């Protein structure tokens, strides 16, 4: 059994879908001159900002305004003149747009990641998500599409970023497991908003779980079983049915 922090109640049963981080290699990109690199950076920033705004609107409709604020916050970070100015300074010093984005974002990630306040540390995750979006846009790399995740998928990732949320079809996702995150992380907030069982902060999850393996997980206790035996599977099936029946009764009562 793997153990993490249960952050979104419910029982998840399904097949693992491991989300590997895409490689962002710009070693072959050559400096095209200060003006051209600044234009590339501005175009990428505009494209990412437009995408974030569209995603925030979709998220507000799907899971509510509170969750959408996370993406809106990323858009505000991207528009920060100080961050933009630092990237442009890097370019003026001979860096490509990709190198400028990476260096500046990594600097902010280290700064926020070292803070004691959990909410401030979340900004490091947001900036990491923003960094990946900018680099993918500059390199012409398509985002992974979770809309096509098969029914009964248990998503396994290093972290569950806000940008992953928009493409998800809730009815196809049985659970979420990550190596990072905690009870107050954006991953937890989004999982609860989507009403998807989630266990975060599972050490070595990516190494221990392979795509296609059967998973039984408890989003309250923080337990994850890989290829559970028949007794465990039946126990989790019964608990899942009981939890969903209680949730349905509560919804009917609230109506």
C-alpha atoms as a PDB file:
ATOM      1  CA  UNK A   1       0.000   0.000   0.000  1.00  0.00           C
ATOM      2  CA  UNK A   2       1.113   3.543  -0.789  1.00  0.00           C
ATOM      3  CA  UNK A   3       0.264   6.318   1.638  1.00  0.00           C
ATOM      4  CA  UNK A   4      -0.312  10.006   1.033  1.00  0.00           C
ATOM      5  CA  UNK A   5      -2.631  12.784   2.200  1.00  0.00           C
ATOM      6  CA  UNK A   6      -6.322  12.339   1.500  1.00  0.00           C
ATOM      7  CA  UNK A   7      -7.595  15.718   0.316  1.00  0.00           C
ATOM      8  CA  UNK A   8     -10.822  14.960  -1.564  1.00  0.00           C
ATOM      9  CA  UNK A   9     -13.194  12.404  -0.086  1.00  0.00           C
ATOM     10  CA  UNK A  10     -14.435   9.411  -1.992  1.00  0.00           C
ATOM     11  CA  UNK A  11     -13.297   5.999  -3.186  1.00  0.00           C
ATOM     12  CA  UNK A  12     -11.604   5.659  -6.554  1.00  0.00           C
ATOM     13  CA  UNK A  13     -11.451   2.406  -8.522  1.00  0.00           C
ATOM     14  CA  UNK A  14      -9.981   2.224 -11.993  1.00  0.00           C
ATOM     15  CA  UNK A  15      -6.919   1.930 -14.199  1.00  0.00           C
ATOM     16  CA  UNK A  16      -3.881   4.157 -13.751  1.00  0.00           C
ATOM     17  CA  UNK A  17      -3.080   6.765 -16.406  1.00  0.00           C
ATOM     18  CA  UNK A  18       0.405   8.067 -15.637  1.00  0.00           C
ATOM     19  CA  UNK A  19       1.022  11.598 -16.899  1.00  0.00           C
ATOM     20  CA  UNK A  20       4.699  12.001 -17.696  1.00  0.00           C
ATOM     21  CA  UNK A  21       6.158  15.494 -17.814  1.00  0.00           C
ATOM     22  CA  UNK A  22       6.862  16.598 -21.380  1.00  0.00           C
ATOM     23  CA  UNK A  23      10.479  17.278 -22.225  1.00  0.00           C
ATOM     24  CA  UNK A  24      11.098  20.960 -22.911  1.00  0.00           C
ATOM     25  CA  UNK A  25      14.413  21.064 -24.753  1.00  0.00           C
ATOM     26  CA  UNK A  26      15.433  24.328 -26.394  1.00  0.00           C
ATOM     27  CA  UNK A  27      19.132  23.519 -26.770  1.00  0.00           C
ATOM     28  CA  UNK A  28      18.768  23.718 -30.547  1.00  0.00           C
ATOM     29  CA  UNK A  29      17.187  27.208 -30.515  1.00  0.00           C
ATOM     30  CA  UNK A  30      19.590  29.925 -31.671  1.00  0.00           C
ATOM     31  CA  UNK A  31      19.501  33.566 -30.569  1.00  0.00           C
ATOM     32  CA  UNK A  32      17.824  35.515 -33.373  1.00  0.00           C
ATOM     33  CA  UNK A  33      18.662  39.001 -32.108  1.00  0.00           C
ATOM     34  CA  UNK A  34      17.213  41.122 -29.333  1.00  0.00           C
ATOM     35  CA  UNK A  35      14.269  42.512 -31.294  1.00  0.00           C
ATOM     36  CA  UNK A  36      13.219  39.144 -32.714  1.00  0.00           C
ATOM     37  CA  UNK A  37      13.488  37.366 -29.350  1.00  0.00           C
ATOM     38  CA  UNK A  38      11.465  40.050 -27.579  1.00  0.00           C
ATOM     39  CA  UNK A  39       8.819  39.749 -30.291  1.00  0.00           C
ATOM     40  CA  UNK A  40       8.736  35.958 -29.822  1.00  0.00           C
ATOM     41  CA  UNK A  41       8.364  36.400 -26.065  1.00  0.00           C
ATOM     42  CA  UNK A  42       5.568  38.972 -26.451  1.00  0.00           C
ATOM     43  CA  UNK A  43       3.683  36.742 -28.903  1.00  0.00           C
ATOM     44  CA  UNK A  44       3.976  33.718 -26.617  1.00  0.00           C
ATOM     45  CA  UNK A  45       2.857  35.743 -23.582  1.00  0.00           C
ATOM     46  CA  UNK A  46      -0.170  37.065 -25.480  1.00  0.00           C
ATOM     47  CA  UNK A  47      -1.133  33.565 -26.629  1.00  0.00           C
ATOM     48  CA  UNK A  48      -0.777  32.093 -23.142  1.00  0.00           C
ATOM     49  CA  UNK A  49      -2.706  34.977 -21.578  1.00  0.00           C
ATOM     50  CA  UNK A  50      -5.596  34.492 -24.017  1.00  0.00           C
ATOM     51  CA  UNK A  51      -5.603  30.745 -23.334  1.00  0.00           C
ATOM     52  CA  UNK A  52      -5.577  31.294 -19.561  1.00  0.00           C
ATOM     53  CA  UNK A  53      -8.509  33.716 -19.798  1.00  0.00           C
ATOM     54  CA  UNK A  54     -10.491  31.216 -21.880  1.00  0.00           C
ATOM     55  CA  UNK A  55      -9.629  28.413 -19.457  1.00  0.00           C
ATOM     56  CA  UNK A  56     -10.651  30.533 -16.453  1.00  0.00           C
ATOM     57  CA  UNK A  57     -14.035  31.222 -18.057  1.00  0.00           C
ATOM     58  CA  UNK A  58     -14.512  27.504 -18.791  1.00  0.00           C
ATOM     59  CA  UNK A  59     -13.487  26.574 -15.253  1.00  0.00           C
ATOM     60  CA  UNK A  60     -15.869  29.119 -13.724  1.00  0.00           C
ATOM     61  CA  UNK A  61     -18.717  27.488 -15.637  1.00  0.00           C
ATOM     62  CA  UNK A  62     -17.549  23.948 -14.859  1.00  0.00           C
ATOM     63  CA  UNK A  63     -16.599  24.084 -11.183  1.00  0.00           C
ATOM     64  CA  UNK A  64     -17.200  27.621  -9.934  1.00  0.00           C
ATOM     65  CA  UNK A  65     -15.564  31.024  -9.652  1.00  0.00           C
ATOM     66  CA  UNK A  66     -13.288  30.133  -6.731  1.00  0.00           C
ATOM     67  CA  UNK A  67     -11.408  27.499  -8.716  1.00  0.00           C
ATOM     68  CA  UNK A  68     -11.254  29.818 -11.745  1.00  0.00           C
ATOM     69  CA  UNK A  69      -9.424  32.409  -9.629  1.00  0.00           C
ATOM     70  CA  UNK A  70      -6.366  30.141  -9.654  1.00  0.00           C
ATOM     71  CA  UNK A  71      -6.003  30.509 -13.431  1.00  0.00           C
ATOM     72  CA  UNK A  72      -6.857  34.199 -13.253  1.00  0.00           C
ATOM     73  CA  UNK A  73      -3.980  34.551 -10.779  1.00  0.00           C
ATOM     74  CA  UNK A  74      -1.582  32.995 -13.287  1.00  0.00           C
ATOM     75  CA  UNK A  75      -2.733  35.478 -15.913  1.00  0.00           C
ATOM     76  CA  UNK A  76      -2.025  38.346 -13.485  1.00  0.00           C
ATOM     77  CA  UNK A  77       1.481  36.991 -12.809  1.00  0.00           C
ATOM     78  CA  UNK A  78       2.165  36.858 -16.541  1.00  0.00           C
ATOM     79  CA  UNK A  79       1.104  40.495 -16.878  1.00  0.00           C
ATOM     80  CA  UNK A  80       3.405  41.605 -14.032  1.00  0.00           C
ATOM     81  CA  UNK A  81       5.718  44.316 -15.481  1.00  0.00           C
ATOM     82  CA  UNK A  82       8.556  43.263 -13.147  1.00  0.00           C
ATOM     83  CA  UNK A  83       8.548  39.672 -14.389  1.00  0.00           C
ATOM     84  CA  UNK A  84       8.263  40.791 -18.011  1.00  0.00           C
ATOM     85  CA  UNK A  85      11.049  43.330 -17.498  1.00  0.00           C
ATOM     86  CA  UNK A  86      13.385  40.696 -16.082  1.00  0.00           C
ATOM     87  CA  UNK A  87      12.783  38.436 -19.082  1.00  0.00           C
ATOM     88  CA  UNK A  88      13.466  41.284 -21.468  1.00  0.00           C
ATOM     89  CA  UNK A  89      16.688  42.091 -19.599  1.00  0.00           C
ATOM     90  CA  UNK A  90      17.831  38.494 -20.076  1.00  0.00           C
ATOM     91  CA  UNK A  91      17.119  38.774 -23.797  1.00  0.00           C
ATOM     92  CA  UNK A  92      19.009  42.072 -23.982  1.00  0.00           C
ATOM     93  CA  UNK A  93      21.963  40.178 -22.512  1.00  0.00           C
ATOM     94  CA  UNK A  94      21.869  37.590 -25.314  1.00  0.00           C
ATOM     95  CA  UNK A  95      19.440  34.967 -24.012  1.00  0.00           C
ATOM     96  CA  UNK A  96      16.826  33.342 -26.226  1.00  0.00           C
ATOM     97  CA  UNK A  97      13.188  33.841 -25.250  1.00  0.00           C
ATOM     98  CA  UNK A  98      13.141  30.243 -23.935  1.00  0.00           C
ATOM     99  CA  UNK A  99      16.214  30.754 -21.753  1.00  0.00           C
ATOM    100  CA  UNK A 100      14.832  34.057 -20.439  1.00  0.00           C
ATOM    101  CA  UNK A 101      11.520  32.436 -19.463  1.00  0.00           C
ATOM    102  CA  UNK A 102      13.273  29.514 -17.793  1.00  0.00           C
ATOM    103  CA  UNK A 103      15.804  31.573 -15.815  1.00  0.00           C
ATOM    104  CA  UNK A 104      13.313  34.151 -14.546  1.00  0.00           C
ATOM    105  CA  UNK A 105      10.591  31.623 -13.691  1.00  0.00           C
ATOM    106  CA  UNK A 106      13.062  29.327 -11.927  1.00  0.00           C
ATOM    107  CA  UNK A 107      14.248  32.291  -9.846  1.00  0.00           C
ATOM    108  CA  UNK A 108      10.689  33.122  -8.752  1.00  0.00           C
ATOM    109  CA  UNK A 109       9.926  29.443  -8.094  1.00  0.00           C
ATOM    110  CA  UNK A 110      12.925  29.150  -5.776  1.00  0.00           C
ATOM    111  CA  UNK A 111      11.995  32.355  -3.968  1.00  0.00           C
ATOM    112  CA  UNK A 112       8.352  31.374  -3.335  1.00  0.00           C
ATOM    113  CA  UNK A 113       9.211  27.712  -2.715  1.00  0.00           C
ATOM    114  CA  UNK A 114      11.476  28.702   0.189  1.00  0.00           C
ATOM    115  CA  UNK A 115       8.750  30.640   2.019  1.00  0.00           C
ATOM    116  CA  UNK A 116       7.158  29.224   5.176  1.00  0.00           C
ATOM    117  CA  UNK A 117       3.607  30.239   4.325  1.00  0.00           C
ATOM    118  CA  UNK A 118       1.827  27.417   2.447  1.00  0.00           C
ATOM    119  CA  UNK A 119      -0.253  29.804   0.332  1.00  0.00           C
ATOM    120  CA  UNK A 120       2.854  31.668  -0.776  1.00  0.00           C
ATOM    121  CA  UNK A 121       4.561  28.378  -1.626  1.00  0.00           C
ATOM    122  CA  UNK A 122       1.641  27.641  -3.944  1.00  0.00           C
ATOM    123  CA  UNK A 123       2.829  30.502  -6.100  1.00  0.00           C
ATOM    124  CA  UNK A 124       5.895  28.436  -6.946  1.00  0.00           C
ATOM    125  CA  UNK A 125       3.561  25.788  -8.423  1.00  0.00           C
ATOM    126  CA  UNK A 126       1.650  28.458 -10.347  1.00  0.00           C
ATOM    127  CA  UNK A 127       4.838  29.904 -11.795  1.00  0.00           C
ATOM    128  CA  UNK A 128       6.039  26.411 -12.708  1.00  0.00           C
ATOM    129  CA  UNK A 129       2.783  25.864 -14.592  1.00  0.00           C
ATOM    130  CA  UNK A 130       3.179  29.250 -16.274  1.00  0.00           C
ATOM    131  CA  UNK A 131       6.798  28.470 -17.211  1.00  0.00           C
ATOM    132  CA  UNK A 132       5.755  25.213 -18.863  1.00  0.00           C
ATOM    133  CA  UNK A 133       2.965  26.935 -20.813  1.00  0.00           C
ATOM    134  CA  UNK A 134       5.267  29.675 -22.122  1.00  0.00           C
ATOM    135  CA  UNK A 135       7.992  27.205 -23.107  1.00  0.00           C
ATOM    136  CA  UNK A 136       5.547  24.883 -24.865  1.00  0.00           C
ATOM    137  CA  UNK A 137       4.127  27.840 -26.785  1.00  0.00           C
ATOM    138  CA  UNK A 138       7.588  29.060 -27.807  1.00  0.00           C
ATOM    139  CA  UNK A 139       8.639  25.542 -28.862  1.00  0.00           C
ATOM    140  CA  UNK A 140       5.361  24.719 -30.605  1.00  0.00           C
ATOM    141  CA  UNK A 141       4.593  21.753 -28.308  1.00  0.00           C
ATOM    142  CA  UNK A 142       0.945  20.739 -27.983  1.00  0.00           C
ATOM    143  CA  UNK A 143      -0.594  20.426 -24.531  1.00  0.00           C
ATOM    144  CA  UNK A 144      -1.590  16.943 -23.341  1.00  0.00           C
ATOM    145  CA  UNK A 145      -5.333  16.434 -23.907  1.00  0.00           C
ATOM    146  CA  UNK A 146      -7.027  14.845 -20.900  1.00  0.00           C
ATOM    147  CA  UNK A 147     -10.444  15.084 -22.553  1.00  0.00           C
ATOM    148  CA  UNK A 148      -9.709  11.724 -24.190  1.00  0.00           C
ATOM    149  CA  UNK A 149      -8.811   9.933 -20.953  1.00  0.00           C
ATOM    150  CA  UNK A 150     -10.726   6.640 -20.930  1.00  0.00           C
ATOM    151  CA  UNK A 151     -13.556   6.103 -18.466  1.00  0.00           C
ATOM    152  CA  UNK A 152     -12.348   4.865 -15.091  1.00  0.00           C
ATOM    153  CA  UNK A 153      -8.961   6.587 -15.335  1.00  0.00           C
ATOM    154  CA  UNK A 154      -6.983   7.278 -12.164  1.00  0.00           C
ATOM    155  CA  UNK A 155      -4.647  10.140 -13.061  1.00  0.00           C
ATOM    156  CA  UNK A 156      -1.142   9.842 -11.632  1.00  0.00           C
ATOM    157  CA  UNK A 157       1.187  12.847 -11.935  1.00  0.00           C
ATOM    158  CA  UNK A 158       3.977  14.723 -10.212  1.00  0.00           C
ATOM    159  CA  UNK A 159       1.430  17.456  -9.546  1.00  0.00           C
ATOM    160  CA  UNK A 160      -2.107  18.215 -10.663  1.00  0.00           C
ATOM    161  CA  UNK A 161      -1.835  21.665 -12.209  1.00  0.00           C
ATOM    162  CA  UNK A 162      -4.705  24.094 -12.848  1.00  0.00           C
ATOM    163  CA  UNK A 163      -4.169  23.798 -16.602  1.00  0.00           C
ATOM    164  CA  UNK A 164      -4.874  20.048 -16.447  1.00  0.00           C
ATOM    165  CA  UNK A 165      -8.300  20.666 -14.955  1.00  0.00           C
ATOM    166  CA  UNK A 166     -10.050  22.330 -17.862  1.00  0.00           C
ATOM    167  CA  UNK A 167      -9.835  19.415 -20.281  1.00  0.00           C
ATOM    168  CA  UNK A 168     -10.961  16.807 -17.772  1.00  0.00           C
ATOM    169  CA  UNK A 169     -14.262  15.016 -18.176  1.00  0.00           C
ATOM    170  CA  UNK A 170     -15.242  14.367 -14.597  1.00  0.00           C
ATOM    171  CA  UNK A 171     -17.276  11.293 -15.492  1.00  0.00           C
ATOM    172  CA  UNK A 172     -14.143   9.628 -16.927  1.00  0.00           C
ATOM    173  CA  UNK A 173     -11.790  10.293 -13.997  1.00  0.00           C
ATOM    174  CA  UNK A 174     -12.078   7.915 -11.044  1.00  0.00           C
ATOM    175  CA  UNK A 175      -9.326   9.499  -8.959  1.00  0.00           C
ATOM    176  CA  UNK A 176      -6.200  11.638  -8.768  1.00  0.00           C
ATOM    177  CA  UNK A 177      -2.833  10.675  -7.243  1.00  0.00           C
ATOM    178  CA  UNK A 178       0.177  13.009  -7.109  1.00  0.00           C
ATOM    179  CA  UNK A 179       3.646  13.045  -5.617  1.00  0.00           C
ATOM    180  CA  UNK A 180       3.348  16.715  -4.614  1.00  0.00           C
ATOM    181  CA  UNK A 181       0.700  18.891  -3.010  1.00  0.00           C
ATOM    182  CA  UNK A 182      -1.123  18.923   0.302  1.00  0.00           C
ATOM    183  CA  UNK A 183      -4.453  19.760   1.912  1.00  0.00           C
ATOM    184  CA  UNK A 184      -4.327  23.484   1.011  1.00  0.00           C
ATOM    185  CA  UNK A 185      -2.666  23.126  -2.395  1.00  0.00           C
ATOM    186  CA  UNK A 186      -4.334  24.130  -5.632  1.00  0.00           C
ATOM    187  CA  UNK A 187      -4.393  20.439  -6.546  1.00  0.00           C
ATOM    188  CA  UNK A 188      -6.569  19.762  -3.501  1.00  0.00           C
ATOM    189  CA  UNK A 189      -8.864  22.724  -4.160  1.00  0.00           C
ATOM    190  CA  UNK A 190      -9.417  21.652  -7.764  1.00  0.00           C
ATOM    191  CA  UNK A 191      -9.990  17.987  -6.903  1.00  0.00           C
ATOM    192  CA  UNK A 192     -12.603  18.922  -4.303  1.00  0.00           C
ATOM    193  CA  UNK A 193     -14.289  21.327  -6.721  1.00  0.00           C
ATOM    194  CA  UNK A 194     -14.481  18.533  -9.304  1.00  0.00           C
ATOM    195  CA  UNK A 195     -15.663  16.052  -6.628  1.00  0.00           C
ATOM    196  CA  UNK A 196     -12.935  13.599  -7.638  1.00  0.00           C
ATOM    197  CA  UNK A 197     -11.280  11.441  -4.936  1.00  0.00           C
ATOM    198  CA  UNK A 198      -7.672  12.550  -4.530  1.00  0.00           C
ATOM    199  CA  UNK A 199      -4.603  11.442  -2.611  1.00  0.00           C
ATOM    200  CA  UNK A 200      -1.680  13.860  -2.786  1.00  0.00           C
ATOM    201  CA  UNK A 201       1.881  13.809  -1.516  1.00  0.00           C
ATOM    202  CA  UNK A 202       2.449  10.114  -2.302  1.00  0.00           C
ATOM    203  CA  UNK A 203       6.239   9.519  -2.259  1.00  0.00           C
ATOM    204  CA  UNK A 204       7.498   7.662  -5.339  1.00  0.00           C
ATOM    205  CA  UNK A 205       4.065   7.411  -6.964  1.00  0.00           C
ATOM    206  CA  UNK A 206       5.423   7.793 -10.505  1.00  0.00           C
ATOM    207  CA  UNK A 207       7.975   5.033  -9.974  1.00  0.00           C
ATOM    208  CA  UNK A 208       5.542   2.696  -8.203  1.00  0.00           C
ATOM    209  CA  UNK A 209       2.570   2.976 -10.593  1.00  0.00           C
ATOM    210  CA  UNK A 210       2.437   2.159 -14.319  1.00  0.00           C
ATOM    211  CA  UNK A 211      -0.272   3.030 -16.826  1.00  0.00           C
ATOM    212  CA  UNK A 212      -2.888   0.301 -16.996  1.00  0.00           C
ATOM    213  CA  UNK A 213      -2.434  -1.033 -13.465  1.00  0.00           C
ATOM    214  CA  UNK A 214      -5.553  -1.489 -11.342  1.00  0.00           C
ATOM    215  CA  UNK A 215      -5.913   1.088  -8.552  1.00  0.00           C
ATOM    216  CA  UNK A 216      -8.072   1.239  -5.428  1.00  0.00           C
ATOM    217  CA  UNK A 217      -7.765   4.496  -3.511  1.00  0.00           C
ATOM    218  CA  UNK A 218      -9.337   6.276  -0.550  1.00  0.00           C
ATOM    219  CA  UNK A 219      -9.466  10.047  -0.884  1.00  0.00           C
ATOM    220  CA  UNK A 220     -10.150  10.520   2.816  1.00  0.00           C
ATOM    221  CA  UNK A 221      -7.685   8.132   4.455  1.00  0.00           C
ATOM    222  CA  UNK A 222      -4.951   8.678   1.869  1.00  0.00           C
ATOM    223  CA  UNK A 223      -4.531   4.978   1.027  1.00  0.00           C
ATOM    224  CA  UNK A 224      -3.583   3.753  -2.459  1.00  0.00           C
ATOM    225  CA  UNK A 225      -3.493   0.081  -3.475  1.00  0.00           C
ATOM    226  CA  UNK A 226      -1.792  -0.937  -6.731  1.00  0.00           C
ATOM    227  CA  UNK A 227      -3.203  -4.159  -8.200  1.00  0.00           C
ATOM    228  CA  UNK A 228      -5.349  -4.778  -5.101  1.00  0.00           C
ATOM    229  CA  UNK A 229      -6.257  -8.333  -4.186  1.00  0.00           C
ATOM    230  CA  UNK A 230      -9.870  -9.500  -4.522  1.00  0.00           C
ATOM    231  CA  UNK A 231     -10.705  -8.893  -0.866  1.00  0.00           C
ATOM    232  CA  UNK A 232      -9.454  -5.288  -0.987  1.00  0.00           C
ATOM    233  CA  UNK A 233     -11.182  -4.639  -4.309  1.00  0.00           C
ATOM    234  CA  UNK A 234     -14.542  -5.895  -3.035  1.00  0.00           C
ATOM    235  CA  UNK A 235     -14.183  -3.865   0.157  1.00  0.00           C
ATOM    236  CA  UNK A 236     -13.489  -0.712  -1.861  1.00  0.00           C
ATOM    237  CA  UNK A 237     -16.382  -1.428  -4.243  1.00  0.00           C
ATOM    238  CA  UNK A 238     -18.763  -1.630  -1.290  1.00  0.00           C
ATOM    239  CA  UNK A 239     -17.379   1.540   0.284  1.00  0.00           C
ATOM    240  CA  UNK A 240     -17.579   3.371  -3.048  1.00  0.00           C
ATOM    241  CA  UNK A 241     -21.252   2.436  -3.468  1.00  0.00           C
ATOM    242  CA  UNK A 242     -22.007   3.535   0.101  1.00  0.00           C
ATOM    243  CA  UNK A 243     -20.182   6.867  -0.301  1.00  0.00           C
ATOM    244  CA  UNK A 244     -21.931   7.685  -3.587  1.00  0.00           C
ATOM    245  CA  UNK A 245     -25.339   6.809  -2.136  1.00  0.00           C
ATOM    246  CA  UNK A 246     -24.717   9.141   0.806  1.00  0.00           C
ATOM    247  CA  UNK A 247     -23.530  11.915  -1.518  1.00  0.00           C
ATOM    248  CA  UNK A 248     -26.675  11.555  -3.648  1.00  0.00           C
ATOM    249  CA  UNK A 249     -28.913  11.722  -0.571  1.00  0.00           C
ATOM    250  CA  UNK A 250     -27.126  14.868   0.585  1.00  0.00           C
ATOM    251  CA  UNK A 251     -27.577  16.506  -2.834  1.00  0.00           C
ATOM    252  CA  UNK A 252     -31.290  15.674  -2.824  1.00  0.00           C
ATOM    253  CA  UNK A 253     -31.609  17.100   0.693  1.00  0.00           C
ATOM    254  CA  UNK A 254     -29.820  20.312  -0.304  1.00  0.00           C
ATOM    255  CA  UNK A 255     -32.158  20.753  -3.264  1.00  0.00           C
END
